[in-house]
Amino acid sequence: MTGHIICVAQQKGGAGKTTLVTNLAIAFLARGRRVALLDTDPQGSLGKWMDVREETLGETENLRFATATAYGISRALRSFGDEVDIILIDTPPKADSDVRWILREADLVLVPVSSSQADVWATHDLLDLANRSEKPTFLVMNRTREGTRVGDQVARSVAELDAAQMRASLANRVIYAEALGLGMGVMEVRKTGSAADEVRALAQEVMDALTA
C-alpha cells in the first residue's frame, strides 16, 4: 500500500511544477515523512534537481526518486510499496491522455498558476480533466506579485475559475530559483524568512487536504 499520492500538473510549461514538488518534498521531510518523487515529465527537471542534490549533498534519508511514463505509473507507484508516506508526481506540461493516467492514481491534485494571464488560460483544460477524474483539486499561486497591476489582474481571473485555491502561495522570490539550481529547497537554503514560511504554510494546507 503506497502513501498519499499528490499529482502536480499544469498544461503550460514554466508554471513552477518542479519548484512546487521539490519544496513540498523538503517540507514534508522536515516533518518526519518518508517522501518519494516520481518524474513523468520527459524534460526531466525533477531528475536533474535530484542529480545535483546527490552530487553536492549525498543521499537524503527518507527521500526516494524514480522516473516513469504515464502508462507505467501504476507499476512505478507499486514499487514504493509501504516504504513511503507521500509520493509527489511531476507531470508533463500538457493536458491529454498522458495526464489522465496519472490523475487516476492521485489522492490530491495541485495546479500551480504563475502570475500571468497565459497561465490562467492554460489552467482551464487541466481543471476539466481533474474534475472529470473526481479528485480533490487545488490551485496554488506561484510567483505572486502582490501590489502590482498584473498581480491584481491575475488574482481576479483566478477567482473567477471554478476551482478551490490554497490560501498559502509562493511569492516571486529569487531564492526559489537559487534553491532549485542547488538541488535544495528554500527551507534548506534559509531556514527562516518569508520563503520558508510560505512553504511551511503550504505544506500544512496540503497535509490538511490529504487528511480531510
N, C-alpha and C. Protein backbone atom coordinates (compact mmCIF):
# COMPACT_ATOMS: atom_id res chain seq x y z
N MET A 1 0.84 -1.19 0.00
CA MET A 1 0.00 0.00 0.00
C MET A 1 0.88 1.25 0.00
N THR A 2 0.72 2.09 -1.04
CA THR A 2 1.54 3.29 -1.13
C THR A 2 0.98 4.38 -0.22
N GLY A 3 1.77 5.44 -0.05
CA GLY A 3 1.33 6.56 0.75
C GLY A 3 0.41 7.48 -0.04
N HIS A 4 0.17 8.66 0.49
CA HIS A 4 -0.65 9.65 -0.19
C HIS A 4 0.02 10.06 -1.50
N ILE A 5 -0.76 10.15 -2.57
CA ILE A 5 -0.22 10.47 -3.89
C ILE A 5 -0.69 11.86 -4.30
N ILE A 6 0.26 12.75 -4.52
CA ILE A 6 -0.03 14.12 -4.91
C ILE A 6 0.46 14.33 -6.34
N CYS A 7 -0.45 14.69 -7.21
CA CYS A 7 -0.12 14.98 -8.60
C CYS A 7 0.00 16.49 -8.78
N VAL A 8 1.12 16.96 -9.28
CA VAL A 8 1.30 18.38 -9.56
C VAL A 8 1.28 18.55 -11.08
N ALA A 9 0.26 19.23 -11.57
CA ALA A 9 0.03 19.28 -13.02
C ALA A 9 -0.35 20.68 -13.47
N GLN A 10 0.06 20.99 -14.69
CA GLN A 10 -0.31 22.25 -15.33
C GLN A 10 -0.01 22.11 -16.81
N GLN A 11 -0.95 22.52 -17.65
CA GLN A 11 -0.78 22.37 -19.09
C GLN A 11 0.38 23.21 -19.61
N LYS A 12 0.57 24.40 -19.06
CA LYS A 12 1.59 25.31 -19.55
C LYS A 12 2.93 25.04 -18.88
N GLY A 13 3.98 24.98 -19.67
CA GLY A 13 5.31 24.85 -19.11
C GLY A 13 5.73 26.12 -18.40
N GLY A 14 6.65 26.00 -17.46
CA GLY A 14 7.16 27.17 -16.76
C GLY A 14 6.28 27.70 -15.66
N ALA A 15 5.27 26.95 -15.27
CA ALA A 15 4.35 27.42 -14.22
C ALA A 15 4.90 27.19 -12.82
N GLY A 16 5.95 26.38 -12.72
CA GLY A 16 6.55 26.14 -11.41
C GLY A 16 6.24 24.79 -10.81
N LYS A 17 5.93 23.79 -11.65
CA LYS A 17 5.62 22.47 -11.11
C LYS A 17 6.79 21.88 -10.31
N THR A 18 7.97 21.91 -10.90
CA THR A 18 9.12 21.32 -10.22
C THR A 18 9.49 22.09 -8.96
N THR A 19 9.36 23.40 -8.99
CA THR A 19 9.60 24.21 -7.80
C THR A 19 8.65 23.81 -6.68
N LEU A 20 7.40 23.59 -7.04
CA LEU A 20 6.40 23.20 -6.05
C LEU A 20 6.71 21.81 -5.49
N VAL A 21 7.01 20.86 -6.37
CA VAL A 21 7.30 19.49 -5.95
C VAL A 21 8.50 19.44 -5.02
N THR A 22 9.59 20.08 -5.40
CA THR A 22 10.82 19.98 -4.62
C THR A 22 10.68 20.64 -3.25
N ASN A 23 10.02 21.78 -3.20
CA ASN A 23 9.90 22.47 -1.92
C ASN A 23 8.92 21.77 -0.99
N LEU A 24 7.85 21.21 -1.53
CA LEU A 24 6.96 20.42 -0.69
C LEU A 24 7.67 19.18 -0.17
N ALA A 25 8.48 18.57 -1.01
CA ALA A 25 9.22 17.38 -0.58
C ALA A 25 10.10 17.68 0.62
N ILE A 26 10.84 18.76 0.55
CA ILE A 26 11.74 19.12 1.65
C ILE A 26 10.93 19.47 2.90
N ALA A 27 9.80 20.14 2.71
CA ALA A 27 8.95 20.48 3.86
C ALA A 27 8.40 19.22 4.53
N PHE A 28 7.98 18.24 3.74
CA PHE A 28 7.46 17.00 4.31
C PHE A 28 8.56 16.21 5.01
N LEU A 29 9.74 16.20 4.43
CA LEU A 29 10.87 15.53 5.09
C LEU A 29 11.15 16.16 6.44
N ALA A 30 11.06 17.48 6.51
CA ALA A 30 11.30 18.18 7.77
C ALA A 30 10.25 17.82 8.82
N ARG A 31 9.09 17.35 8.36
CA ARG A 31 8.02 16.94 9.27
C ARG A 31 8.12 15.46 9.61
N GLY A 32 9.20 14.81 9.18
CA GLY A 32 9.40 13.41 9.51
C GLY A 32 8.72 12.43 8.57
N ARG A 33 8.26 12.89 7.41
CA ARG A 33 7.60 11.99 6.46
C ARG A 33 8.62 11.34 5.54
N ARG A 34 8.30 10.13 5.10
CA ARG A 34 9.10 9.46 4.08
C ARG A 34 8.51 9.84 2.72
N VAL A 35 9.36 10.38 1.85
CA VAL A 35 8.88 11.00 0.61
C VAL A 35 9.48 10.31 -0.60
N ALA A 36 8.66 10.15 -1.63
CA ALA A 36 9.13 9.67 -2.92
C ALA A 36 8.77 10.69 -3.99
N LEU A 37 9.69 10.91 -4.92
CA LEU A 37 9.47 11.79 -6.05
C LEU A 37 9.38 10.94 -7.31
N LEU A 38 8.39 11.22 -8.14
CA LEU A 38 8.19 10.47 -9.37
C LEU A 38 8.12 11.45 -10.53
N ASP A 39 9.09 11.36 -11.43
CA ASP A 39 9.18 12.28 -12.56
C ASP A 39 8.62 11.62 -13.81
N THR A 40 7.50 12.15 -14.30
CA THR A 40 6.90 11.63 -15.54
C THR A 40 7.04 12.64 -16.67
N ASP A 41 7.75 13.73 -16.44
CA ASP A 41 7.95 14.76 -17.45
C ASP A 41 9.20 14.43 -18.26
N PRO A 42 9.08 14.26 -19.59
CA PRO A 42 10.27 13.93 -20.40
C PRO A 42 11.38 14.98 -20.30
N GLN A 43 11.03 16.21 -19.95
CA GLN A 43 12.05 17.24 -19.79
C GLN A 43 13.01 16.90 -18.66
N GLY A 44 12.53 16.21 -17.65
CA GLY A 44 13.39 15.67 -16.60
C GLY A 44 13.96 16.68 -15.63
N SER A 45 13.27 17.80 -15.41
CA SER A 45 13.80 18.82 -14.48
C SER A 45 13.92 18.28 -13.06
N LEU A 46 12.96 17.47 -12.64
CA LEU A 46 13.00 16.92 -11.29
C LEU A 46 14.18 15.98 -11.13
N GLY A 47 14.45 15.18 -12.15
CA GLY A 47 15.60 14.29 -12.10
C GLY A 47 16.91 15.05 -12.07
N LYS A 48 16.97 16.16 -12.80
CA LYS A 48 18.19 16.98 -12.78
C LYS A 48 18.39 17.58 -11.40
N TRP A 49 17.30 18.03 -10.77
CA TRP A 49 17.39 18.55 -9.40
C TRP A 49 17.93 17.48 -8.47
N MET A 50 17.45 16.26 -8.62
CA MET A 50 17.88 15.16 -7.76
C MET A 50 19.35 14.83 -7.99
N ASP A 51 19.79 14.87 -9.26
CA ASP A 51 21.19 14.61 -9.57
C ASP A 51 22.10 15.63 -8.89
N VAL A 52 21.75 16.91 -9.02
CA VAL A 52 22.55 17.98 -8.40
C VAL A 52 22.58 17.79 -6.89
N ARG A 53 21.43 17.44 -6.33
CA ARG A 53 21.34 17.26 -4.88
C ARG A 53 22.27 16.15 -4.41
N GLU A 54 22.26 15.04 -5.08
CA GLU A 54 23.08 13.91 -4.65
C GLU A 54 24.57 14.19 -4.86
N GLU A 55 24.89 14.96 -5.92
CA GLU A 55 26.29 15.30 -6.16
C GLU A 55 26.85 16.21 -5.07
N THR A 56 26.03 17.09 -4.55
CA THR A 56 26.50 18.08 -3.58
C THR A 56 26.24 17.69 -2.12
N LEU A 57 25.12 17.00 -1.90
CA LEU A 57 24.72 16.69 -0.51
C LEU A 57 24.77 15.20 -0.19
N GLY A 58 24.94 14.37 -1.22
CA GLY A 58 24.86 12.94 -1.00
C GLY A 58 23.40 12.49 -0.93
N GLU A 59 23.20 11.25 -0.54
CA GLU A 59 21.83 10.73 -0.45
C GLU A 59 21.10 11.37 0.72
N THR A 60 19.80 11.62 0.51
CA THR A 60 18.96 12.20 1.55
C THR A 60 18.12 11.10 2.18
N GLU A 61 18.23 10.97 3.48
CA GLU A 61 17.46 9.93 4.18
C GLU A 61 15.97 10.16 3.97
N ASN A 62 15.27 9.08 3.69
CA ASN A 62 13.80 9.09 3.52
C ASN A 62 13.33 9.82 2.27
N LEU A 63 14.24 10.02 1.31
CA LEU A 63 13.85 10.62 0.03
C LEU A 63 14.21 9.67 -1.10
N ARG A 64 13.19 9.20 -1.82
CA ARG A 64 13.40 8.30 -2.94
C ARG A 64 13.01 8.98 -4.24
N PHE A 65 13.55 8.48 -5.35
CA PHE A 65 13.27 9.08 -6.66
C PHE A 65 13.14 7.98 -7.71
N ALA A 66 12.22 8.20 -8.65
CA ALA A 66 12.07 7.29 -9.78
C ALA A 66 11.49 8.06 -10.97
N THR A 67 11.66 7.52 -12.14
CA THR A 67 11.03 8.06 -13.34
C THR A 67 10.03 7.04 -13.86
N ALA A 68 9.08 7.51 -14.65
CA ALA A 68 8.09 6.61 -15.22
C ALA A 68 7.38 7.29 -16.37
N THR A 69 6.89 6.51 -17.30
CA THR A 69 5.98 7.05 -18.30
C THR A 69 4.59 7.11 -17.67
N ALA A 70 3.71 7.88 -18.27
CA ALA A 70 2.35 7.96 -17.74
C ALA A 70 1.69 6.59 -17.73
N TYR A 71 1.98 5.79 -18.75
CA TYR A 71 1.35 4.48 -18.84
C TYR A 71 1.94 3.46 -17.86
N GLY A 72 3.13 3.77 -17.35
CA GLY A 72 3.73 2.88 -16.37
C GLY A 72 3.60 3.38 -14.95
N ILE A 73 2.71 4.33 -14.76
CA ILE A 73 2.60 4.98 -13.46
C ILE A 73 2.17 4.02 -12.35
N SER A 74 1.24 3.14 -12.66
CA SER A 74 0.75 2.21 -11.63
C SER A 74 1.87 1.30 -11.14
N ARG A 75 2.66 0.80 -12.07
CA ARG A 75 3.78 -0.09 -11.70
C ARG A 75 4.81 0.67 -10.86
N ALA A 76 5.09 1.91 -11.26
CA ALA A 76 6.07 2.71 -10.52
C ALA A 76 5.59 2.97 -9.10
N LEU A 77 4.33 3.26 -8.95
CA LEU A 77 3.78 3.51 -7.61
C LEU A 77 3.83 2.25 -6.76
N ARG A 78 3.52 1.11 -7.35
CA ARG A 78 3.56 -0.14 -6.60
C ARG A 78 4.96 -0.46 -6.12
N SER A 79 5.97 -0.01 -6.87
CA SER A 79 7.35 -0.32 -6.50
C SER A 79 7.75 0.30 -5.17
N PHE A 80 7.05 1.37 -4.76
CA PHE A 80 7.36 2.00 -3.47
C PHE A 80 6.78 1.21 -2.30
N GLY A 81 5.81 0.35 -2.58
CA GLY A 81 5.21 -0.45 -1.53
C GLY A 81 4.70 0.41 -0.39
N ASP A 82 4.99 -0.04 0.84
CA ASP A 82 4.58 0.73 2.02
C ASP A 82 5.76 1.46 2.63
N GLU A 83 6.78 1.75 1.82
CA GLU A 83 8.01 2.35 2.32
C GLU A 83 7.99 3.87 2.32
N VAL A 84 6.93 4.49 1.81
CA VAL A 84 6.86 5.95 1.77
C VAL A 84 5.51 6.41 2.30
N ASP A 85 5.49 7.65 2.77
CA ASP A 85 4.26 8.25 3.28
C ASP A 85 3.59 9.16 2.26
N ILE A 86 4.42 9.81 1.44
CA ILE A 86 3.91 10.76 0.45
C ILE A 86 4.67 10.58 -0.85
N ILE A 87 3.92 10.56 -1.95
CA ILE A 87 4.52 10.50 -3.29
C ILE A 87 4.10 11.75 -4.05
N LEU A 88 5.10 12.49 -4.54
CA LEU A 88 4.85 13.69 -5.32
C LEU A 88 5.19 13.41 -6.77
N ILE A 89 4.24 13.64 -7.67
CA ILE A 89 4.43 13.33 -9.08
C ILE A 89 4.52 14.62 -9.89
N ASP A 90 5.63 14.79 -10.61
CA ASP A 90 5.81 15.90 -11.53
C ASP A 90 5.37 15.42 -12.92
N THR A 91 4.49 16.17 -13.56
CA THR A 91 3.85 15.69 -14.78
C THR A 91 4.28 16.49 -16.02
N PRO A 92 4.03 15.95 -17.22
CA PRO A 92 4.35 16.69 -18.45
C PRO A 92 3.50 17.94 -18.57
N PRO A 93 4.01 18.98 -19.24
CA PRO A 93 3.25 20.22 -19.40
C PRO A 93 2.23 20.12 -20.54
N LYS A 94 1.24 19.28 -20.34
CA LYS A 94 0.18 19.14 -21.33
C LYS A 94 -1.01 18.49 -20.66
N ALA A 95 -2.18 18.72 -21.22
CA ALA A 95 -3.41 18.13 -20.67
C ALA A 95 -3.98 17.18 -21.70
N ASP A 96 -3.58 15.94 -21.63
CA ASP A 96 -4.06 14.96 -22.61
C ASP A 96 -4.13 13.60 -21.94
N SER A 97 -4.11 12.56 -22.77
CA SER A 97 -4.28 11.21 -22.24
C SER A 97 -3.18 10.83 -21.27
N ASP A 98 -1.96 11.35 -21.45
CA ASP A 98 -0.88 11.02 -20.52
C ASP A 98 -1.22 11.45 -19.10
N VAL A 99 -1.69 12.68 -18.97
CA VAL A 99 -2.01 13.20 -17.64
C VAL A 99 -3.23 12.48 -17.06
N ARG A 100 -4.15 12.06 -17.91
CA ARG A 100 -5.33 11.32 -17.41
C ARG A 100 -4.90 10.07 -16.63
N TRP A 101 -3.92 9.34 -17.14
CA TRP A 101 -3.45 8.14 -16.45
C TRP A 101 -2.94 8.48 -15.06
N ILE A 102 -2.24 9.59 -14.96
CA ILE A 102 -1.66 9.99 -13.68
C ILE A 102 -2.74 10.46 -12.71
N LEU A 103 -3.69 11.24 -13.22
CA LEU A 103 -4.77 11.74 -12.38
C LEU A 103 -5.56 10.60 -11.75
N ARG A 104 -5.69 9.50 -12.47
CA ARG A 104 -6.45 8.36 -11.94
C ARG A 104 -5.84 7.81 -10.67
N GLU A 105 -4.53 7.98 -10.50
CA GLU A 105 -3.83 7.41 -9.35
C GLU A 105 -3.74 8.38 -8.17
N ALA A 106 -4.05 9.66 -8.39
CA ALA A 106 -3.80 10.69 -7.39
C ALA A 106 -4.84 10.72 -6.29
N ASP A 107 -4.40 11.08 -5.10
CA ASP A 107 -5.31 11.39 -4.00
C ASP A 107 -5.62 12.88 -3.97
N LEU A 108 -4.70 13.68 -4.50
CA LEU A 108 -4.84 15.13 -4.48
C LEU A 108 -4.12 15.69 -5.70
N VAL A 109 -4.72 16.73 -6.31
CA VAL A 109 -4.12 17.37 -7.48
C VAL A 109 -3.82 18.82 -7.14
N LEU A 110 -2.59 19.25 -7.38
CA LEU A 110 -2.19 20.64 -7.19
C LEU A 110 -1.87 21.24 -8.55
N VAL A 111 -2.42 22.42 -8.82
CA VAL A 111 -2.24 23.07 -10.11
C VAL A 111 -1.56 24.43 -9.88
N PRO A 112 -0.25 24.52 -10.12
CA PRO A 112 0.41 25.81 -9.93
C PRO A 112 0.01 26.80 -11.02
N VAL A 113 -0.23 28.03 -10.61
CA VAL A 113 -0.59 29.10 -11.54
C VAL A 113 0.34 30.27 -11.30
N SER A 114 1.18 30.56 -12.27
CA SER A 114 2.10 31.67 -12.15
C SER A 114 1.37 32.98 -12.46
N SER A 115 2.01 34.10 -12.13
CA SER A 115 1.35 35.40 -12.27
C SER A 115 1.38 35.89 -13.71
N SER A 116 0.63 35.20 -14.56
CA SER A 116 0.45 35.65 -15.94
C SER A 116 -0.90 35.15 -16.42
N GLN A 117 -1.53 35.93 -17.29
CA GLN A 117 -2.82 35.53 -17.84
C GLN A 117 -2.69 34.25 -18.65
N ALA A 118 -1.54 34.02 -19.28
CA ALA A 118 -1.34 32.80 -20.06
C ALA A 118 -1.47 31.57 -19.19
N ASP A 119 -0.97 31.64 -17.96
CA ASP A 119 -1.11 30.52 -17.04
C ASP A 119 -2.57 30.27 -16.68
N VAL A 120 -3.31 31.36 -16.48
CA VAL A 120 -4.73 31.22 -16.15
C VAL A 120 -5.48 30.57 -17.30
N TRP A 121 -5.21 31.02 -18.53
CA TRP A 121 -5.88 30.44 -19.70
C TRP A 121 -5.55 28.95 -19.83
N ALA A 122 -4.29 28.60 -19.57
CA ALA A 122 -3.86 27.21 -19.73
C ALA A 122 -4.46 26.29 -18.68
N THR A 123 -5.00 26.88 -17.61
CA THR A 123 -5.49 26.08 -16.49
C THR A 123 -6.83 25.42 -16.78
N HIS A 124 -7.62 25.99 -17.68
CA HIS A 124 -8.98 25.51 -17.90
C HIS A 124 -9.04 24.03 -18.29
N ASP A 125 -8.24 23.63 -19.29
CA ASP A 125 -8.28 22.24 -19.75
C ASP A 125 -7.84 21.27 -18.65
N LEU A 126 -6.81 21.67 -17.90
CA LEU A 126 -6.34 20.80 -16.83
C LEU A 126 -7.39 20.64 -15.75
N LEU A 127 -8.06 21.73 -15.40
CA LEU A 127 -9.12 21.65 -14.39
C LEU A 127 -10.25 20.76 -14.87
N ASP A 128 -10.56 20.83 -16.15
CA ASP A 128 -11.61 19.98 -16.71
C ASP A 128 -11.24 18.50 -16.56
N LEU A 129 -9.98 18.16 -16.86
CA LEU A 129 -9.53 16.78 -16.68
C LEU A 129 -9.59 16.35 -15.22
N ALA A 130 -9.14 17.22 -14.34
CA ALA A 130 -9.13 16.89 -12.92
C ALA A 130 -10.55 16.72 -12.38
N ASN A 131 -11.45 17.57 -12.82
CA ASN A 131 -12.84 17.46 -12.37
C ASN A 131 -13.47 16.15 -12.84
N ARG A 132 -13.15 15.76 -14.07
CA ARG A 132 -13.71 14.50 -14.57
C ARG A 132 -13.12 13.30 -13.84
N SER A 133 -11.92 13.46 -13.31
CA SER A 133 -11.32 12.37 -12.54
C SER A 133 -11.89 12.30 -11.13
N GLU A 134 -12.64 13.36 -10.76
CA GLU A 134 -13.29 13.45 -9.45
C GLU A 134 -12.29 13.36 -8.30
N LYS A 135 -11.14 14.00 -8.51
CA LYS A 135 -10.12 14.06 -7.46
C LYS A 135 -10.07 15.47 -6.87
N PRO A 136 -9.85 15.60 -5.55
CA PRO A 136 -9.73 16.93 -4.95
C PRO A 136 -8.62 17.72 -5.63
N THR A 137 -8.94 18.92 -6.07
CA THR A 137 -8.01 19.72 -6.86
C THR A 137 -7.92 21.14 -6.30
N PHE A 138 -6.68 21.64 -6.17
CA PHE A 138 -6.46 22.98 -5.63
C PHE A 138 -5.48 23.74 -6.51
N LEU A 139 -5.81 24.99 -6.77
CA LEU A 139 -4.87 25.89 -7.42
C LEU A 139 -3.85 26.36 -6.38
N VAL A 140 -2.60 26.51 -6.82
CA VAL A 140 -1.55 27.06 -5.96
C VAL A 140 -0.92 28.23 -6.69
N MET A 141 -1.07 29.42 -6.15
CA MET A 141 -0.50 30.60 -6.78
C MET A 141 1.02 30.61 -6.59
N ASN A 142 1.74 30.81 -7.71
CA ASN A 142 3.20 30.77 -7.70
C ASN A 142 3.74 32.06 -8.33
N ARG A 143 4.88 32.51 -7.84
CA ARG A 143 5.50 33.76 -8.32
C ARG A 143 4.52 34.93 -8.20
N THR A 144 3.81 35.00 -7.11
CA THR A 144 2.82 36.06 -6.93
C THR A 144 3.50 37.42 -6.82
N ARG A 145 2.77 38.44 -7.27
CA ARG A 145 3.29 39.82 -7.26
C ARG A 145 2.22 40.73 -6.67
N GLU A 146 2.10 40.67 -5.37
CA GLU A 146 1.09 41.49 -4.72
C GLU A 146 1.41 42.98 -4.88
N GLY A 147 0.34 43.76 -5.06
CA GLY A 147 0.51 45.20 -5.18
C GLY A 147 0.88 45.67 -6.56
N THR A 148 0.94 44.74 -7.55
CA THR A 148 1.22 45.14 -8.92
C THR A 148 -0.04 44.98 -9.77
N ARG A 149 -0.08 45.69 -10.89
CA ARG A 149 -1.27 45.63 -11.75
C ARG A 149 -1.48 44.22 -12.29
N VAL A 150 -0.41 43.59 -12.78
CA VAL A 150 -0.56 42.24 -13.34
C VAL A 150 -0.95 41.26 -12.25
N GLY A 151 -0.41 41.44 -11.05
CA GLY A 151 -0.78 40.56 -9.95
C GLY A 151 -2.24 40.65 -9.61
N ASP A 152 -2.76 41.87 -9.58
CA ASP A 152 -4.17 42.08 -9.29
C ASP A 152 -5.05 41.49 -10.39
N GLN A 153 -4.64 41.65 -11.65
CA GLN A 153 -5.42 41.12 -12.77
C GLN A 153 -5.49 39.60 -12.72
N VAL A 154 -4.35 38.97 -12.46
CA VAL A 154 -4.31 37.51 -12.39
C VAL A 154 -5.15 37.02 -11.21
N ALA A 155 -5.06 37.69 -10.08
CA ALA A 155 -5.83 37.29 -8.90
C ALA A 155 -7.33 37.33 -9.20
N ARG A 156 -7.78 38.35 -9.93
CA ARG A 156 -9.20 38.44 -10.29
C ARG A 156 -9.59 37.31 -11.24
N SER A 157 -8.72 37.02 -12.20
CA SER A 157 -9.02 35.95 -13.16
C SER A 157 -9.09 34.59 -12.48
N VAL A 158 -8.17 34.34 -11.56
CA VAL A 158 -8.16 33.07 -10.84
C VAL A 158 -9.41 32.93 -9.98
N ALA A 159 -9.84 34.03 -9.38
CA ALA A 159 -11.04 33.99 -8.53
C ALA A 159 -12.28 33.61 -9.32
N GLU A 160 -12.25 33.86 -10.62
CA GLU A 160 -13.39 33.54 -11.48
C GLU A 160 -13.40 32.08 -11.92
N LEU A 161 -12.30 31.37 -11.72
CA LEU A 161 -12.24 29.96 -12.07
C LEU A 161 -13.07 29.13 -11.09
N ASP A 162 -13.67 28.08 -11.60
CA ASP A 162 -14.46 27.20 -10.75
C ASP A 162 -13.53 26.16 -10.12
N ALA A 163 -12.72 26.62 -9.15
CA ALA A 163 -11.74 25.73 -8.54
C ALA A 163 -11.38 26.23 -7.15
N ALA A 164 -11.08 25.29 -6.27
CA ALA A 164 -10.60 25.65 -4.94
C ALA A 164 -9.17 26.16 -5.04
N GLN A 165 -8.78 26.97 -4.09
CA GLN A 165 -7.44 27.55 -4.10
C GLN A 165 -6.83 27.47 -2.71
N MET A 166 -5.55 27.07 -2.67
CA MET A 166 -4.83 27.08 -1.41
C MET A 166 -4.66 28.52 -0.93
N ARG A 167 -4.81 28.74 0.36
CA ARG A 167 -4.62 30.09 0.90
C ARG A 167 -3.16 30.51 0.82
N ALA A 168 -2.26 29.58 1.10
CA ALA A 168 -0.83 29.87 1.03
C ALA A 168 -0.39 29.95 -0.43
N SER A 169 0.59 30.80 -0.70
CA SER A 169 1.11 30.95 -2.06
C SER A 169 2.62 31.18 -1.98
N LEU A 170 3.28 31.04 -3.13
CA LEU A 170 4.72 31.26 -3.21
C LEU A 170 4.96 32.56 -3.98
N ALA A 171 5.66 33.49 -3.37
CA ALA A 171 5.89 34.79 -3.99
C ALA A 171 7.01 34.72 -5.02
N ASN A 172 7.13 35.79 -5.78
CA ASN A 172 8.15 35.88 -6.82
C ASN A 172 9.49 36.25 -6.17
N ARG A 173 10.21 35.22 -5.70
CA ARG A 173 11.46 35.44 -4.97
C ARG A 173 12.60 34.70 -5.67
N VAL A 174 13.75 35.35 -5.74
CA VAL A 174 14.93 34.77 -6.38
C VAL A 174 15.37 33.48 -5.69
N ILE A 175 15.14 33.37 -4.40
CA ILE A 175 15.61 32.21 -3.64
C ILE A 175 15.03 30.90 -4.15
N TYR A 176 13.84 30.94 -4.74
CA TYR A 176 13.26 29.70 -5.27
C TYR A 176 14.10 29.17 -6.43
N ALA A 177 14.51 30.05 -7.34
CA ALA A 177 15.35 29.63 -8.45
C ALA A 177 16.73 29.21 -7.96
N GLU A 178 17.27 29.93 -6.98
CA GLU A 178 18.58 29.59 -6.42
C GLU A 178 18.57 28.21 -5.79
N ALA A 179 17.53 27.94 -5.00
CA ALA A 179 17.44 26.64 -4.32
C ALA A 179 17.31 25.51 -5.33
N LEU A 180 16.50 25.72 -6.37
CA LEU A 180 16.32 24.68 -7.39
C LEU A 180 17.65 24.35 -8.05
N GLY A 181 18.42 25.36 -8.39
CA GLY A 181 19.70 25.13 -9.04
C GLY A 181 20.71 24.44 -8.15
N LEU A 182 20.54 24.54 -6.84
CA LEU A 182 21.44 23.90 -5.89
C LEU A 182 20.99 22.49 -5.50
N GLY A 183 19.85 22.06 -6.04
CA GLY A 183 19.32 20.76 -5.64
C GLY A 183 18.76 20.78 -4.23
N MET A 184 18.22 21.92 -3.82
CA MET A 184 17.73 22.08 -2.45
C MET A 184 16.34 22.69 -2.46
N GLY A 185 15.75 22.77 -1.28
CA GLY A 185 14.53 23.52 -1.08
C GLY A 185 14.87 24.81 -0.36
N VAL A 186 13.98 25.79 -0.44
CA VAL A 186 14.30 27.08 0.19
C VAL A 186 14.45 26.94 1.70
N MET A 187 13.78 25.97 2.30
CA MET A 187 13.91 25.77 3.74
C MET A 187 15.31 25.31 4.12
N GLU A 188 16.04 24.73 3.16
CA GLU A 188 17.41 24.30 3.42
C GLU A 188 18.41 25.43 3.16
N VAL A 189 18.10 26.26 2.17
CA VAL A 189 18.97 27.39 1.86
C VAL A 189 18.91 28.43 2.98
N ARG A 190 17.67 28.69 3.45
CA ARG A 190 17.47 29.66 4.52
C ARG A 190 16.31 29.18 5.38
N LYS A 191 16.62 28.68 6.57
CA LYS A 191 15.61 28.05 7.42
C LYS A 191 14.53 29.01 7.89
N THR A 192 14.87 30.27 8.01
CA THR A 192 13.89 31.26 8.43
C THR A 192 13.73 32.29 7.32
N GLY A 193 12.63 33.02 7.38
CA GLY A 193 12.38 34.04 6.36
C GLY A 193 11.06 33.80 5.65
N SER A 194 10.72 34.73 4.77
CA SER A 194 9.42 34.71 4.12
C SER A 194 9.21 33.47 3.25
N ALA A 195 10.23 33.10 2.47
CA ALA A 195 10.08 31.95 1.57
C ALA A 195 9.85 30.66 2.36
N ALA A 196 10.66 30.44 3.41
CA ALA A 196 10.49 29.25 4.23
C ALA A 196 9.12 29.23 4.89
N ASP A 197 8.66 30.38 5.34
CA ASP A 197 7.33 30.46 5.95
C ASP A 197 6.24 30.11 4.94
N GLU A 198 6.40 30.58 3.70
CA GLU A 198 5.42 30.27 2.65
C GLU A 198 5.32 28.78 2.40
N VAL A 199 6.47 28.13 2.31
CA VAL A 199 6.49 26.70 2.02
C VAL A 199 5.91 25.91 3.18
N ARG A 200 6.25 26.27 4.40
CA ARG A 200 5.70 25.57 5.57
C ARG A 200 4.17 25.71 5.62
N ALA A 201 3.69 26.91 5.35
CA ALA A 201 2.24 27.13 5.37
C ALA A 201 1.55 26.31 4.29
N LEU A 202 2.14 26.25 3.10
CA LEU A 202 1.55 25.47 2.02
C LEU A 202 1.57 23.98 2.34
N ALA A 203 2.68 23.50 2.88
CA ALA A 203 2.78 22.08 3.25
C ALA A 203 1.72 21.71 4.28
N GLN A 204 1.47 22.59 5.23
CA GLN A 204 0.43 22.32 6.23
C GLN A 204 -0.93 22.24 5.58
N GLU A 205 -1.22 23.15 4.65
CA GLU A 205 -2.53 23.11 3.97
C GLU A 205 -2.69 21.84 3.16
N VAL A 206 -1.62 21.43 2.50
CA VAL A 206 -1.68 20.20 1.71
C VAL A 206 -1.92 19.00 2.60
N MET A 207 -1.24 18.93 3.73
CA MET A 207 -1.48 17.83 4.67
C MET A 207 -2.91 17.84 5.18
N ASP A 208 -3.43 19.02 5.46
CA ASP A 208 -4.82 19.13 5.92
C ASP A 208 -5.77 18.62 4.84
N ALA A 209 -5.50 18.95 3.58
CA ALA A 209 -6.36 18.50 2.49
C ALA A 209 -6.30 16.98 2.32
N LEU A 210 -5.12 16.40 2.52
CA LEU A 210 -4.96 14.94 2.37
C LEU A 210 -5.69 14.18 3.45
N THR A 211 -5.78 14.77 4.62
CA THR A 211 -6.37 14.06 5.76
C THR A 211 -7.81 14.50 6.06
N ALA A 212 -8.35 15.38 5.21
CA ALA A 212 -9.72 15.87 5.42
C ALA A 212 -10.74 14.76 5.23
